[in-house]
Amino acid sequence: MFGEVTLSLLQGFGGTLKLFALTLLLSLPLGLIISFGSMSAIGVIRLPVRFVIWVIRGTPLMLQLLVIYFGPGIILHANIWGSGDTGRFIAALTAFVINYACYFSEIFRGGIQSVPVGQYEAGAVLGMTRRQTFYRVILLQVIKRIVPPISNEVITLVKDTSLARIIAVYEIIWKGQSFIKSAGIIWPLFYTGVFYLAFSGLLTLLFGYVEKRLGFFEIK
């Protein structure tokens, strides 16, 4: 039984990892783009972007999953996500990407604005454009400053993937819960925690290593 449960949970964890990896891959660059919009000097760009960020950060991810999955069908009378497991996964991924991109955008914005303006001025004195100054001087300093808050969000994402089950996306907790109905046992549900703890532990070690590698920006 233990082997059967482990195999089933590994299959479910594969779905969790897929949702996790694709969310990070898409939300990090999107978050950077959104952060530029939230810092824009143009009001018609900045204000709508900040409003969207406020809405996303102020409402539960579970609510966003339900609205994004069921909303188009109710409002547009069309199933834009497609049918079956693939359609539900795409809807869940869309909700996760939008949600985490907004959170990441605020982290990026805080990191960028924390770098002294004088460094942009120094870059201009050296003949660099503002874009060159950002990519050659500012960006690595921003990365150093945002690694701790980014790591917190990434570990939170690991656990938030379990919310995808609300629209029947088959991830590890779904698999663990299925044994309650099929075999009348509950320990596989607790066993899922081992997978989360192990994965979160690996991510913690990885981000700790990254922080140490970026330590050369510290003033001794």
N, C-alpha and C. Protein backbone atom coordinates (compact mmCIF):
# COMPACT_ATOMS: atom_id res chain seq x y z
N MET A 1 0.82 -1.21 0.00
CA MET A 1 0.00 0.00 0.00
C MET A 1 0.86 1.26 0.00
N PHE A 2 1.96 1.22 0.80
CA PHE A 2 2.82 2.39 0.87
C PHE A 2 3.40 2.74 -0.49
N GLY A 3 3.83 1.71 -1.23
CA GLY A 3 4.39 1.95 -2.55
C GLY A 3 3.36 2.51 -3.51
N GLU A 4 2.15 2.00 -3.43
CA GLU A 4 1.07 2.49 -4.29
C GLU A 4 0.75 3.95 -3.99
N VAL A 5 0.70 4.27 -2.70
CA VAL A 5 0.43 5.65 -2.31
C VAL A 5 1.54 6.57 -2.77
N THR A 6 2.78 6.15 -2.55
CA THR A 6 3.93 6.97 -2.94
C THR A 6 3.92 7.25 -4.45
N LEU A 7 3.65 6.20 -5.24
CA LEU A 7 3.61 6.37 -6.69
C LEU A 7 2.51 7.35 -7.10
N SER A 8 1.35 7.22 -6.48
CA SER A 8 0.24 8.11 -6.79
C SER A 8 0.56 9.56 -6.41
N LEU A 9 1.19 9.75 -5.24
CA LEU A 9 1.54 11.10 -4.81
C LEU A 9 2.63 11.70 -5.69
N LEU A 10 3.55 10.86 -6.15
CA LEU A 10 4.59 11.35 -7.07
C LEU A 10 3.97 11.86 -8.37
N GLN A 11 2.94 11.15 -8.84
CA GLN A 11 2.24 11.61 -10.04
C GLN A 11 1.56 12.96 -9.77
N GLY A 12 0.92 13.06 -8.61
CA GLY A 12 0.28 14.32 -8.26
C GLY A 12 1.29 15.44 -8.07
N PHE A 13 2.45 15.10 -7.51
CA PHE A 13 3.48 16.10 -7.29
C PHE A 13 4.05 16.59 -8.62
N GLY A 14 4.00 15.71 -9.63
CA GLY A 14 4.42 16.15 -10.96
C GLY A 14 3.55 17.29 -11.46
N GLY A 15 2.23 17.20 -11.23
CA GLY A 15 1.33 18.29 -11.60
C GLY A 15 1.61 19.54 -10.81
N THR A 16 1.93 19.37 -9.52
CA THR A 16 2.28 20.52 -8.67
C THR A 16 3.53 21.21 -9.19
N LEU A 17 4.56 20.43 -9.51
CA LEU A 17 5.80 21.00 -10.02
C LEU A 17 5.60 21.71 -11.36
N LYS A 18 4.76 21.14 -12.21
CA LYS A 18 4.48 21.75 -13.51
C LYS A 18 3.83 23.11 -13.34
N LEU A 19 2.83 23.19 -12.46
CA LEU A 19 2.16 24.46 -12.20
C LEU A 19 3.12 25.45 -11.56
N PHE A 20 3.93 24.97 -10.64
CA PHE A 20 4.91 25.82 -9.95
C PHE A 20 5.93 26.40 -10.93
N ALA A 21 6.52 25.54 -11.75
CA ALA A 21 7.59 25.97 -12.66
C ALA A 21 7.07 26.94 -13.72
N LEU A 22 5.93 26.64 -14.31
CA LEU A 22 5.39 27.52 -15.35
C LEU A 22 4.94 28.86 -14.76
N THR A 23 4.42 28.83 -13.55
CA THR A 23 4.03 30.09 -12.91
C THR A 23 5.24 30.98 -12.71
N LEU A 24 6.34 30.42 -12.21
CA LEU A 24 7.56 31.21 -12.01
C LEU A 24 8.11 31.72 -13.34
N LEU A 25 8.17 30.83 -14.32
CA LEU A 25 8.73 31.18 -15.62
C LEU A 25 8.00 32.36 -16.25
N LEU A 26 6.69 32.43 -16.07
CA LEU A 26 5.89 33.48 -16.71
C LEU A 26 5.68 34.69 -15.81
N SER A 27 5.54 34.49 -14.51
CA SER A 27 5.18 35.60 -13.63
C SER A 27 6.37 36.51 -13.29
N LEU A 28 7.58 35.97 -13.26
CA LEU A 28 8.73 36.82 -12.93
C LEU A 28 8.97 37.90 -13.99
N PRO A 29 9.09 37.55 -15.28
CA PRO A 29 9.26 38.62 -16.28
C PRO A 29 8.04 39.52 -16.39
N LEU A 30 6.84 38.95 -16.26
CA LEU A 30 5.63 39.77 -16.31
C LEU A 30 5.59 40.73 -15.13
N GLY A 31 6.02 40.28 -13.97
CA GLY A 31 6.07 41.14 -12.80
C GLY A 31 7.01 42.32 -13.00
N LEU A 32 8.14 42.08 -13.66
CA LEU A 32 9.08 43.17 -13.93
C LEU A 32 8.45 44.20 -14.86
N ILE A 33 7.75 43.72 -15.88
CA ILE A 33 7.07 44.63 -16.81
C ILE A 33 5.99 45.44 -16.08
N ILE A 34 5.22 44.77 -15.23
CA ILE A 34 4.17 45.46 -14.47
C ILE A 34 4.78 46.50 -13.54
N SER A 35 5.93 46.18 -12.96
CA SER A 35 6.58 47.14 -12.05
C SER A 35 6.97 48.42 -12.80
N PHE A 36 7.42 48.29 -14.05
CA PHE A 36 7.72 49.47 -14.85
C PHE A 36 6.47 50.30 -15.08
N GLY A 37 5.34 49.61 -15.32
CA GLY A 37 4.08 50.32 -15.50
C GLY A 37 3.64 51.04 -14.24
N SER A 38 3.84 50.41 -13.08
CA SER A 38 3.43 51.04 -11.81
C SER A 38 4.32 52.21 -11.43
N MET A 39 5.51 52.29 -12.02
CA MET A 39 6.42 53.41 -11.76
C MET A 39 6.40 54.45 -12.87
N SER A 40 5.59 54.22 -13.89
CA SER A 40 5.55 55.12 -15.03
C SER A 40 5.16 56.54 -14.62
N ALA A 41 5.78 57.51 -15.29
CA ALA A 41 5.44 58.91 -15.04
C ALA A 41 4.14 59.29 -15.74
N ILE A 42 3.64 58.41 -16.60
CA ILE A 42 2.41 58.67 -17.34
C ILE A 42 1.23 58.14 -16.54
N GLY A 43 0.37 59.03 -16.12
CA GLY A 43 -0.73 58.67 -15.24
C GLY A 43 -1.68 57.64 -15.81
N VAL A 44 -1.96 57.71 -17.13
CA VAL A 44 -2.92 56.78 -17.73
C VAL A 44 -2.37 55.35 -17.77
N ILE A 45 -1.08 55.22 -17.59
CA ILE A 45 -0.47 53.89 -17.49
C ILE A 45 -0.35 53.49 -16.02
N ARG A 46 0.20 54.39 -15.22
CA ARG A 46 0.49 54.08 -13.82
C ARG A 46 -0.76 53.78 -13.00
N LEU A 47 -1.79 54.60 -13.11
CA LEU A 47 -2.97 54.46 -12.25
C LEU A 47 -3.75 53.17 -12.51
N PRO A 48 -4.03 52.79 -13.78
CA PRO A 48 -4.71 51.50 -14.00
C PRO A 48 -3.89 50.31 -13.53
N VAL A 49 -2.57 50.38 -13.75
CA VAL A 49 -1.71 49.27 -13.33
C VAL A 49 -1.74 49.12 -11.81
N ARG A 50 -1.64 50.22 -11.11
CA ARG A 50 -1.67 50.16 -9.64
C ARG A 50 -3.04 49.71 -9.13
N PHE A 51 -4.09 50.06 -9.85
CA PHE A 51 -5.43 49.63 -9.45
C PHE A 51 -5.55 48.11 -9.58
N VAL A 52 -5.05 47.56 -10.69
CA VAL A 52 -5.10 46.12 -10.90
C VAL A 52 -4.29 45.40 -9.82
N ILE A 53 -3.10 45.93 -9.52
CA ILE A 53 -2.27 45.33 -8.47
C ILE A 53 -3.00 45.34 -7.13
N TRP A 54 -3.66 46.45 -6.83
CA TRP A 54 -4.41 46.57 -5.58
C TRP A 54 -5.53 45.54 -5.50
N VAL A 55 -6.25 45.34 -6.61
CA VAL A 55 -7.34 44.37 -6.64
C VAL A 55 -6.81 42.95 -6.46
N ILE A 56 -5.76 42.61 -7.19
CA ILE A 56 -5.21 41.25 -7.13
C ILE A 56 -4.64 40.95 -5.75
N ARG A 57 -3.91 41.89 -5.19
CA ARG A 57 -3.30 41.66 -3.87
C ARG A 57 -4.34 41.71 -2.76
N GLY A 58 -5.46 42.34 -3.00
CA GLY A 58 -6.47 42.50 -1.96
C GLY A 58 -7.57 41.46 -1.96
N THR A 59 -7.53 40.53 -2.91
CA THR A 59 -8.55 39.48 -2.98
C THR A 59 -7.88 38.11 -2.92
N PRO A 60 -8.58 37.09 -2.41
CA PRO A 60 -7.98 35.75 -2.28
C PRO A 60 -7.69 35.11 -3.63
N LEU A 61 -6.61 34.36 -3.68
CA LEU A 61 -6.26 33.63 -4.90
C LEU A 61 -7.35 32.63 -5.27
N MET A 62 -7.99 32.03 -4.29
CA MET A 62 -9.06 31.07 -4.58
C MET A 62 -10.21 31.75 -5.33
N LEU A 63 -10.56 32.96 -4.91
CA LEU A 63 -11.61 33.72 -5.60
C LEU A 63 -11.19 34.01 -7.04
N GLN A 64 -9.94 34.39 -7.22
CA GLN A 64 -9.45 34.69 -8.57
C GLN A 64 -9.48 33.45 -9.46
N LEU A 65 -9.14 32.29 -8.89
CA LEU A 65 -9.22 31.05 -9.65
C LEU A 65 -10.64 30.78 -10.14
N LEU A 66 -11.61 30.95 -9.26
CA LEU A 66 -13.00 30.69 -9.61
C LEU A 66 -13.50 31.68 -10.66
N VAL A 67 -13.15 32.96 -10.50
CA VAL A 67 -13.60 33.98 -11.44
C VAL A 67 -12.99 33.76 -12.82
N ILE A 68 -11.68 33.47 -12.85
CA ILE A 68 -11.00 33.29 -14.13
C ILE A 68 -11.48 32.04 -14.84
N TYR A 69 -11.78 30.99 -14.08
CA TYR A 69 -12.20 29.74 -14.72
C TYR A 69 -13.67 29.80 -15.16
N PHE A 70 -14.55 30.27 -14.27
CA PHE A 70 -15.97 30.26 -14.60
C PHE A 70 -16.46 31.56 -15.25
N GLY A 71 -15.75 32.67 -15.01
CA GLY A 71 -16.20 33.97 -15.50
C GLY A 71 -16.43 34.06 -16.99
N PRO A 72 -15.46 33.66 -17.83
CA PRO A 72 -15.67 33.78 -19.28
C PRO A 72 -16.89 33.00 -19.77
N GLY A 73 -17.12 31.83 -19.21
CA GLY A 73 -18.28 31.04 -19.64
C GLY A 73 -19.59 31.69 -19.27
N ILE A 74 -19.63 32.33 -18.09
CA ILE A 74 -20.86 32.97 -17.64
C ILE A 74 -21.09 34.30 -18.35
N ILE A 75 -20.02 35.09 -18.51
CA ILE A 75 -20.14 36.43 -19.09
C ILE A 75 -20.18 36.38 -20.61
N LEU A 76 -19.25 35.61 -21.20
CA LEU A 76 -19.13 35.57 -22.66
C LEU A 76 -19.90 34.41 -23.29
N HIS A 77 -20.41 33.52 -22.45
CA HIS A 77 -21.09 32.31 -22.93
C HIS A 77 -20.20 31.51 -23.88
N ALA A 78 -18.91 31.45 -23.51
CA ALA A 78 -17.94 30.71 -24.33
C ALA A 78 -16.88 30.10 -23.42
N ASN A 79 -16.52 28.87 -23.70
CA ASN A 79 -15.47 28.20 -22.93
C ASN A 79 -14.12 28.50 -23.58
N ILE A 80 -13.44 29.53 -23.08
CA ILE A 80 -12.18 29.95 -23.71
C ILE A 80 -11.00 29.07 -23.28
N TRP A 81 -11.18 28.27 -22.24
CA TRP A 81 -10.07 27.48 -21.72
C TRP A 81 -9.97 26.10 -22.36
N GLY A 82 -11.00 25.69 -23.03
CA GLY A 82 -10.99 24.34 -23.57
C GLY A 82 -11.54 23.36 -22.55
N SER A 83 -11.69 22.14 -22.95
CA SER A 83 -12.31 21.13 -22.08
C SER A 83 -11.26 20.22 -21.45
N GLY A 84 -11.69 19.49 -20.43
CA GLY A 84 -10.83 18.49 -19.82
C GLY A 84 -9.76 19.05 -18.92
N ASP A 85 -8.80 18.18 -18.59
CA ASP A 85 -7.72 18.54 -17.67
C ASP A 85 -6.88 19.70 -18.20
N THR A 86 -6.64 19.71 -19.51
CA THR A 86 -5.81 20.76 -20.09
C THR A 86 -6.44 22.13 -19.92
N GLY A 87 -7.73 22.22 -20.15
CA GLY A 87 -8.42 23.50 -20.01
C GLY A 87 -8.39 24.01 -18.58
N ARG A 88 -8.62 23.11 -17.64
CA ARG A 88 -8.59 23.51 -16.23
C ARG A 88 -7.19 23.94 -15.81
N PHE A 89 -6.18 23.23 -16.33
CA PHE A 89 -4.81 23.59 -15.98
C PHE A 89 -4.44 24.97 -16.54
N ILE A 90 -4.83 25.25 -17.77
CA ILE A 90 -4.53 26.55 -18.37
C ILE A 90 -5.20 27.68 -17.58
N ALA A 91 -6.44 27.45 -17.15
CA ALA A 91 -7.15 28.46 -16.36
C ALA A 91 -6.43 28.69 -15.03
N ALA A 92 -6.03 27.59 -14.37
CA ALA A 92 -5.32 27.71 -13.10
C ALA A 92 -3.99 28.43 -13.29
N LEU A 93 -3.26 28.08 -14.34
CA LEU A 93 -1.97 28.71 -14.61
C LEU A 93 -2.16 30.21 -14.85
N THR A 94 -3.19 30.58 -15.60
CA THR A 94 -3.46 32.00 -15.86
C THR A 94 -3.69 32.76 -14.57
N ALA A 95 -4.50 32.18 -13.68
CA ALA A 95 -4.79 32.83 -12.40
C ALA A 95 -3.52 32.96 -11.56
N PHE A 96 -2.72 31.92 -11.51
CA PHE A 96 -1.49 31.96 -10.72
C PHE A 96 -0.50 32.98 -11.28
N VAL A 97 -0.36 33.02 -12.58
CA VAL A 97 0.59 33.95 -13.20
C VAL A 97 0.18 35.39 -12.92
N ILE A 98 -1.08 35.71 -13.09
CA ILE A 98 -1.55 37.08 -12.84
C ILE A 98 -1.35 37.44 -11.37
N ASN A 99 -1.72 36.53 -10.48
CA ASN A 99 -1.60 36.80 -9.05
C ASN A 99 -0.15 37.04 -8.64
N TYR A 100 0.73 36.12 -9.01
CA TYR A 100 2.11 36.23 -8.57
C TYR A 100 2.87 37.32 -9.31
N ALA A 101 2.49 37.62 -10.53
CA ALA A 101 3.13 38.73 -11.25
C ALA A 101 2.89 40.05 -10.52
N CYS A 102 1.69 40.21 -9.99
CA CYS A 102 1.37 41.44 -9.25
C CYS A 102 2.17 41.53 -7.95
N TYR A 103 2.30 40.41 -7.26
CA TYR A 103 3.12 40.42 -6.04
C TYR A 103 4.59 40.66 -6.36
N PHE A 104 5.09 39.98 -7.38
CA PHE A 104 6.48 40.18 -7.77
C PHE A 104 6.73 41.61 -8.24
N SER A 105 5.75 42.22 -8.88
CA SER A 105 5.93 43.59 -9.38
C SER A 105 6.20 44.56 -8.24
N GLU A 106 5.53 44.36 -7.11
CA GLU A 106 5.75 45.23 -5.96
C GLU A 106 7.13 45.00 -5.36
N ILE A 107 7.60 43.76 -5.40
CA ILE A 107 8.95 43.47 -4.91
C ILE A 107 9.98 44.12 -5.82
N PHE A 108 9.78 43.99 -7.13
CA PHE A 108 10.69 44.63 -8.09
C PHE A 108 10.68 46.14 -7.92
N ARG A 109 9.49 46.71 -7.78
CA ARG A 109 9.38 48.17 -7.64
C ARG A 109 10.13 48.63 -6.39
N GLY A 110 9.94 47.94 -5.28
CA GLY A 110 10.63 48.30 -4.05
C GLY A 110 12.14 48.19 -4.20
N GLY A 111 12.60 47.13 -4.88
CA GLY A 111 14.03 46.96 -5.08
C GLY A 111 14.63 48.03 -5.97
N ILE A 112 13.94 48.37 -7.05
CA ILE A 112 14.44 49.39 -7.97
C ILE A 112 14.48 50.76 -7.30
N GLN A 113 13.43 51.09 -6.58
CA GLN A 113 13.36 52.41 -5.96
C GLN A 113 14.27 52.54 -4.74
N SER A 114 14.77 51.40 -4.23
CA SER A 114 15.66 51.46 -3.07
C SER A 114 17.10 51.83 -3.45
N VAL A 115 17.42 51.71 -4.75
CA VAL A 115 18.76 52.07 -5.20
C VAL A 115 18.85 53.59 -5.32
N PRO A 116 19.86 54.21 -4.72
CA PRO A 116 19.98 55.67 -4.74
C PRO A 116 19.95 56.25 -6.15
N VAL A 117 19.22 57.36 -6.31
CA VAL A 117 19.12 58.01 -7.61
C VAL A 117 20.48 58.47 -8.11
N GLY A 118 21.37 58.75 -7.18
CA GLY A 118 22.70 59.22 -7.56
C GLY A 118 23.45 58.25 -8.45
N GLN A 119 23.10 56.97 -8.40
CA GLN A 119 23.79 56.01 -9.25
C GLN A 119 23.38 56.18 -10.71
N TYR A 120 22.14 56.57 -10.94
CA TYR A 120 21.73 56.90 -12.31
C TYR A 120 22.48 58.14 -12.80
N GLU A 121 22.64 59.12 -11.92
CA GLU A 121 23.36 60.34 -12.28
C GLU A 121 24.83 60.05 -12.56
N ALA A 122 25.41 59.15 -11.76
CA ALA A 122 26.81 58.77 -11.99
C ALA A 122 26.96 58.07 -13.34
N GLY A 123 25.98 57.23 -13.68
CA GLY A 123 26.01 56.57 -14.98
C GLY A 123 25.94 57.56 -16.12
N ALA A 124 25.10 58.58 -15.95
CA ALA A 124 24.98 59.61 -16.99
C ALA A 124 26.28 60.37 -17.16
N VAL A 125 26.97 60.64 -16.05
CA VAL A 125 28.26 61.34 -16.11
C VAL A 125 29.29 60.51 -16.87
N LEU A 126 29.18 59.18 -16.75
CA LEU A 126 30.11 58.29 -17.44
C LEU A 126 29.73 58.05 -18.89
N GLY A 127 28.64 58.69 -19.34
CA GLY A 127 28.23 58.59 -20.73
C GLY A 127 27.28 57.46 -21.04
N MET A 128 26.76 56.79 -20.01
CA MET A 128 25.81 55.70 -20.23
C MET A 128 24.39 56.23 -20.31
N THR A 129 23.59 55.58 -21.14
CA THR A 129 22.17 55.92 -21.18
C THR A 129 21.50 55.38 -19.92
N ARG A 130 20.26 55.81 -19.67
CA ARG A 130 19.55 55.33 -18.49
C ARG A 130 19.34 53.82 -18.54
N ARG A 131 19.07 53.29 -19.74
CA ARG A 131 18.89 51.85 -19.88
C ARG A 131 20.18 51.11 -19.60
N GLN A 132 21.30 51.62 -20.13
CA GLN A 132 22.59 50.98 -19.87
C GLN A 132 22.93 51.00 -18.39
N THR A 133 22.64 52.11 -17.73
CA THR A 133 22.90 52.22 -16.29
C THR A 133 22.07 51.20 -15.53
N PHE A 134 20.81 51.02 -15.96
CA PHE A 134 19.94 50.08 -15.26
C PHE A 134 20.47 48.66 -15.38
N TYR A 135 20.82 48.24 -16.59
CA TYR A 135 21.23 46.85 -16.80
C TYR A 135 22.65 46.56 -16.33
N ARG A 136 23.54 47.56 -16.38
CA ARG A 136 24.93 47.33 -16.03
C ARG A 136 25.25 47.65 -14.57
N VAL A 137 24.49 48.55 -13.97
CA VAL A 137 24.82 49.01 -12.62
C VAL A 137 23.72 48.67 -11.61
N ILE A 138 22.48 48.94 -11.98
CA ILE A 138 21.38 48.86 -11.02
C ILE A 138 20.85 47.44 -10.84
N LEU A 139 20.72 46.71 -11.95
CA LEU A 139 19.97 45.45 -11.93
C LEU A 139 20.51 44.43 -10.93
N LEU A 140 21.83 44.22 -10.90
CA LEU A 140 22.39 43.23 -9.97
C LEU A 140 22.19 43.65 -8.52
N GLN A 141 22.24 44.96 -8.26
CA GLN A 141 21.97 45.44 -6.90
C GLN A 141 20.51 45.19 -6.52
N VAL A 142 19.62 45.37 -7.49
CA VAL A 142 18.20 45.10 -7.26
C VAL A 142 17.99 43.62 -6.95
N ILE A 143 18.66 42.75 -7.72
CA ILE A 143 18.52 41.31 -7.50
C ILE A 143 18.97 40.95 -6.10
N LYS A 144 20.09 41.53 -5.65
CA LYS A 144 20.58 41.27 -4.30
C LYS A 144 19.54 41.66 -3.25
N ARG A 145 18.87 42.79 -3.45
CA ARG A 145 17.92 43.30 -2.47
C ARG A 145 16.60 42.52 -2.46
N ILE A 146 16.23 41.95 -3.62
CA ILE A 146 14.91 41.32 -3.70
C ILE A 146 14.93 39.81 -3.49
N VAL A 147 16.12 39.22 -3.39
CA VAL A 147 16.18 37.76 -3.22
C VAL A 147 15.40 37.29 -1.98
N PRO A 148 15.58 37.90 -0.80
CA PRO A 148 14.81 37.41 0.38
C PRO A 148 13.30 37.47 0.20
N PRO A 149 12.72 38.62 -0.22
CA PRO A 149 11.26 38.62 -0.40
C PRO A 149 10.79 37.73 -1.55
N ILE A 150 11.59 37.63 -2.60
CA ILE A 150 11.23 36.73 -3.70
C ILE A 150 11.21 35.28 -3.21
N SER A 151 12.20 34.92 -2.39
CA SER A 151 12.25 33.54 -1.88
C SER A 151 11.02 33.22 -1.04
N ASN A 152 10.55 34.20 -0.26
CA ASN A 152 9.34 33.98 0.53
C ASN A 152 8.14 33.71 -0.37
N GLU A 153 8.01 34.51 -1.44
CA GLU A 153 6.88 34.33 -2.35
C GLU A 153 6.97 32.99 -3.09
N VAL A 154 8.18 32.59 -3.45
CA VAL A 154 8.35 31.33 -4.17
C VAL A 154 7.94 30.15 -3.29
N ILE A 155 8.35 30.19 -2.02
CA ILE A 155 7.98 29.10 -1.10
C ILE A 155 6.47 29.12 -0.85
N THR A 156 5.89 30.31 -0.79
CA THR A 156 4.43 30.41 -0.65
C THR A 156 3.74 29.82 -1.88
N LEU A 157 4.33 30.03 -3.05
CA LEU A 157 3.76 29.48 -4.28
C LEU A 157 3.71 27.96 -4.23
N VAL A 158 4.74 27.34 -3.66
CA VAL A 158 4.75 25.88 -3.54
C VAL A 158 3.48 25.40 -2.84
N LYS A 159 3.13 26.08 -1.76
CA LYS A 159 1.94 25.68 -0.99
C LYS A 159 0.65 26.12 -1.66
N ASP A 160 0.67 27.28 -2.33
CA ASP A 160 -0.55 27.78 -2.97
C ASP A 160 -1.00 26.92 -4.14
N THR A 161 -0.08 26.14 -4.72
CA THR A 161 -0.49 25.28 -5.84
C THR A 161 -1.62 24.33 -5.44
N SER A 162 -1.73 24.05 -4.14
CA SER A 162 -2.79 23.15 -3.67
C SER A 162 -4.18 23.75 -3.91
N LEU A 163 -4.25 25.08 -4.09
CA LEU A 163 -5.55 25.72 -4.33
C LEU A 163 -6.12 25.36 -5.70
N ALA A 164 -5.27 24.89 -6.59
CA ALA A 164 -5.73 24.55 -7.94
C ALA A 164 -6.77 23.44 -7.92
N ARG A 165 -6.80 22.68 -6.84
CA ARG A 165 -7.77 21.58 -6.75
C ARG A 165 -9.20 22.11 -6.71
N ILE A 166 -9.39 23.41 -6.41
CA ILE A 166 -10.74 23.97 -6.33
C ILE A 166 -11.43 23.91 -7.69
N ILE A 167 -10.63 23.88 -8.78
CA ILE A 167 -11.22 23.73 -10.11
C ILE A 167 -10.82 22.39 -10.73
N ALA A 168 -10.58 21.43 -9.83
CA ALA A 168 -10.31 20.04 -10.23
C ALA A 168 -9.04 19.86 -11.05
N VAL A 169 -8.00 20.64 -10.71
CA VAL A 169 -6.68 20.39 -11.28
C VAL A 169 -6.00 19.36 -10.38
N TYR A 170 -5.56 18.28 -10.94
CA TYR A 170 -5.06 17.16 -10.15
C TYR A 170 -3.62 17.39 -9.71
N GLU A 171 -3.47 17.81 -8.46
CA GLU A 171 -2.15 17.98 -7.88
C GLU A 171 -2.01 17.02 -6.71
N ILE A 172 -0.96 17.18 -5.91
CA ILE A 172 -0.62 16.15 -4.93
C ILE A 172 -1.67 16.00 -3.82
N ILE A 173 -2.25 17.09 -3.34
CA ILE A 173 -3.25 16.96 -2.28
C ILE A 173 -4.51 16.28 -2.79
N TRP A 174 -4.86 16.55 -4.05
CA TRP A 174 -6.01 15.85 -4.64
C TRP A 174 -5.77 14.34 -4.59
N LYS A 175 -4.54 13.95 -4.95
CA LYS A 175 -4.20 12.52 -4.93
C LYS A 175 -4.26 11.96 -3.51
N GLY A 176 -3.73 12.72 -2.56
CA GLY A 176 -3.74 12.26 -1.18
C GLY A 176 -5.15 12.13 -0.63
N GLN A 177 -6.01 13.08 -0.96
CA GLN A 177 -7.38 13.05 -0.48
C GLN A 177 -8.18 11.91 -1.11
N SER A 178 -7.81 11.53 -2.31
CA SER A 178 -8.57 10.49 -3.01
C SER A 178 -8.56 9.16 -2.26
N PHE A 179 -7.50 8.92 -1.46
CA PHE A 179 -7.41 7.67 -0.72
C PHE A 179 -8.41 7.61 0.44
N ILE A 180 -8.89 8.77 0.87
CA ILE A 180 -9.90 8.78 1.94
C ILE A 180 -11.17 8.11 1.44
N LYS A 181 -11.53 8.43 0.19
CA LYS A 181 -12.76 7.86 -0.38
C LYS A 181 -12.55 6.44 -0.89
N SER A 182 -11.41 6.20 -1.53
CA SER A 182 -11.21 4.90 -2.18
C SER A 182 -10.78 3.81 -1.22
N ALA A 183 -9.96 4.16 -0.21
CA ALA A 183 -9.43 3.13 0.69
C ALA A 183 -9.78 3.36 2.16
N GLY A 184 -10.40 4.49 2.44
CA GLY A 184 -10.78 4.77 3.82
C GLY A 184 -9.61 5.04 4.74
N ILE A 185 -8.51 5.53 4.20
CA ILE A 185 -7.32 5.85 5.01
C ILE A 185 -6.99 7.33 4.84
N ILE A 186 -6.45 7.94 5.91
CA ILE A 186 -6.17 9.38 5.86
C ILE A 186 -4.68 9.70 5.86
N TRP A 187 -3.83 8.71 6.22
CA TRP A 187 -2.41 9.01 6.31
C TRP A 187 -1.77 9.48 5.01
N PRO A 188 -2.25 9.07 3.82
CA PRO A 188 -1.66 9.64 2.59
C PRO A 188 -1.80 11.15 2.50
N LEU A 189 -2.87 11.70 3.10
CA LEU A 189 -3.05 13.14 3.09
C LEU A 189 -1.95 13.83 3.89
N PHE A 190 -1.60 13.22 5.04
CA PHE A 190 -0.50 13.77 5.84
C PHE A 190 0.85 13.54 5.16
N TYR A 191 0.93 12.45 4.43
CA TYR A 191 2.17 12.11 3.71
C TYR A 191 2.51 13.18 2.67
N THR A 192 1.50 13.83 2.13
CA THR A 192 1.77 14.90 1.15
C THR A 192 2.63 16.00 1.76
N GLY A 193 2.50 16.19 3.08
CA GLY A 193 3.30 17.22 3.74
C GLY A 193 4.78 16.98 3.62
N VAL A 194 5.19 15.71 3.55
CA VAL A 194 6.60 15.38 3.39
C VAL A 194 7.14 15.93 2.08
N PHE A 195 6.34 15.83 1.02
CA PHE A 195 6.76 16.34 -0.29
C PHE A 195 6.92 17.86 -0.24
N TYR A 196 5.95 18.53 0.37
CA TYR A 196 6.03 19.99 0.48
C TYR A 196 7.24 20.42 1.31
N LEU A 197 7.46 19.74 2.43
CA LEU A 197 8.58 20.10 3.30
C LEU A 197 9.92 19.89 2.59
N ALA A 198 10.04 18.77 1.88
CA ALA A 198 11.29 18.47 1.18
C ALA A 198 11.56 19.50 0.08
N PHE A 199 10.53 19.81 -0.69
CA PHE A 199 10.71 20.77 -1.79
C PHE A 199 10.99 22.17 -1.26
N SER A 200 10.27 22.58 -0.22
CA SER A 200 10.50 23.89 0.38
C SER A 200 11.90 23.97 0.99
N GLY A 201 12.35 22.85 1.58
CA GLY A 201 13.70 22.82 2.14
C GLY A 201 14.76 23.00 1.07
N LEU A 202 14.59 22.35 -0.07
CA LEU A 202 15.54 22.50 -1.17
C LEU A 202 15.57 23.94 -1.69
N LEU A 203 14.39 24.54 -1.80
CA LEU A 203 14.33 25.93 -2.26
C LEU A 203 14.99 26.87 -1.26
N THR A 204 14.81 26.61 0.02
CA THR A 204 15.44 27.44 1.05
C THR A 204 16.96 27.38 0.94
N LEU A 205 17.49 26.17 0.74
CA LEU A 205 18.93 26.01 0.57
C LEU A 205 19.41 26.73 -0.69
N LEU A 206 18.63 26.62 -1.77
CA LEU A 206 19.01 27.25 -3.03
C LEU A 206 19.07 28.77 -2.89
N PHE A 207 18.05 29.35 -2.29
CA PHE A 207 18.03 30.80 -2.14
C PHE A 207 19.10 31.28 -1.15
N GLY A 208 19.40 30.45 -0.14
CA GLY A 208 20.49 30.79 0.77
C GLY A 208 21.82 30.85 0.04
N TYR A 209 22.02 29.91 -0.88
CA TYR A 209 23.24 29.89 -1.68
C TYR A 209 23.32 31.12 -2.59
N VAL A 210 22.18 31.46 -3.21
CA VAL A 210 22.14 32.63 -4.10
C VAL A 210 22.47 33.90 -3.32
N GLU A 211 21.91 34.03 -2.12
CA GLU A 211 22.19 35.22 -1.29
C GLU A 211 23.68 35.32 -0.98
N LYS A 212 24.31 34.20 -0.67
CA LYS A 212 25.74 34.23 -0.38
C LYS A 212 26.55 34.61 -1.61
N ARG A 213 26.14 34.10 -2.78
CA ARG A 213 26.86 34.43 -4.01
C ARG A 213 26.74 35.90 -4.37
N LEU A 214 25.63 36.51 -3.96
CA LEU A 214 25.43 37.93 -4.24
C LEU A 214 25.96 38.81 -3.12
N GLY A 215 26.64 38.22 -2.15
CA GLY A 215 27.14 38.97 -0.99
C GLY A 215 28.21 39.97 -1.33
N PHE A 216 28.79 39.92 -2.53
CA PHE A 216 29.87 40.86 -2.86
C PHE A 216 29.36 42.29 -2.99
N PHE A 217 28.02 42.48 -2.98
CA PHE A 217 27.50 43.84 -3.03
C PHE A 217 27.46 44.49 -1.65
N GLU A 218 27.71 43.68 -0.59
CA GLU A 218 27.68 44.23 0.75
C GLU A 218 28.93 45.06 1.01
N ILE A 219 28.72 46.13 1.75
CA ILE A 219 29.84 47.00 2.12
C ILE A 219 30.42 46.47 3.43
N LYS A 220 31.68 46.07 3.42
CA LYS A 220 32.33 45.51 4.62
C LYS A 220 32.83 46.63 5.52
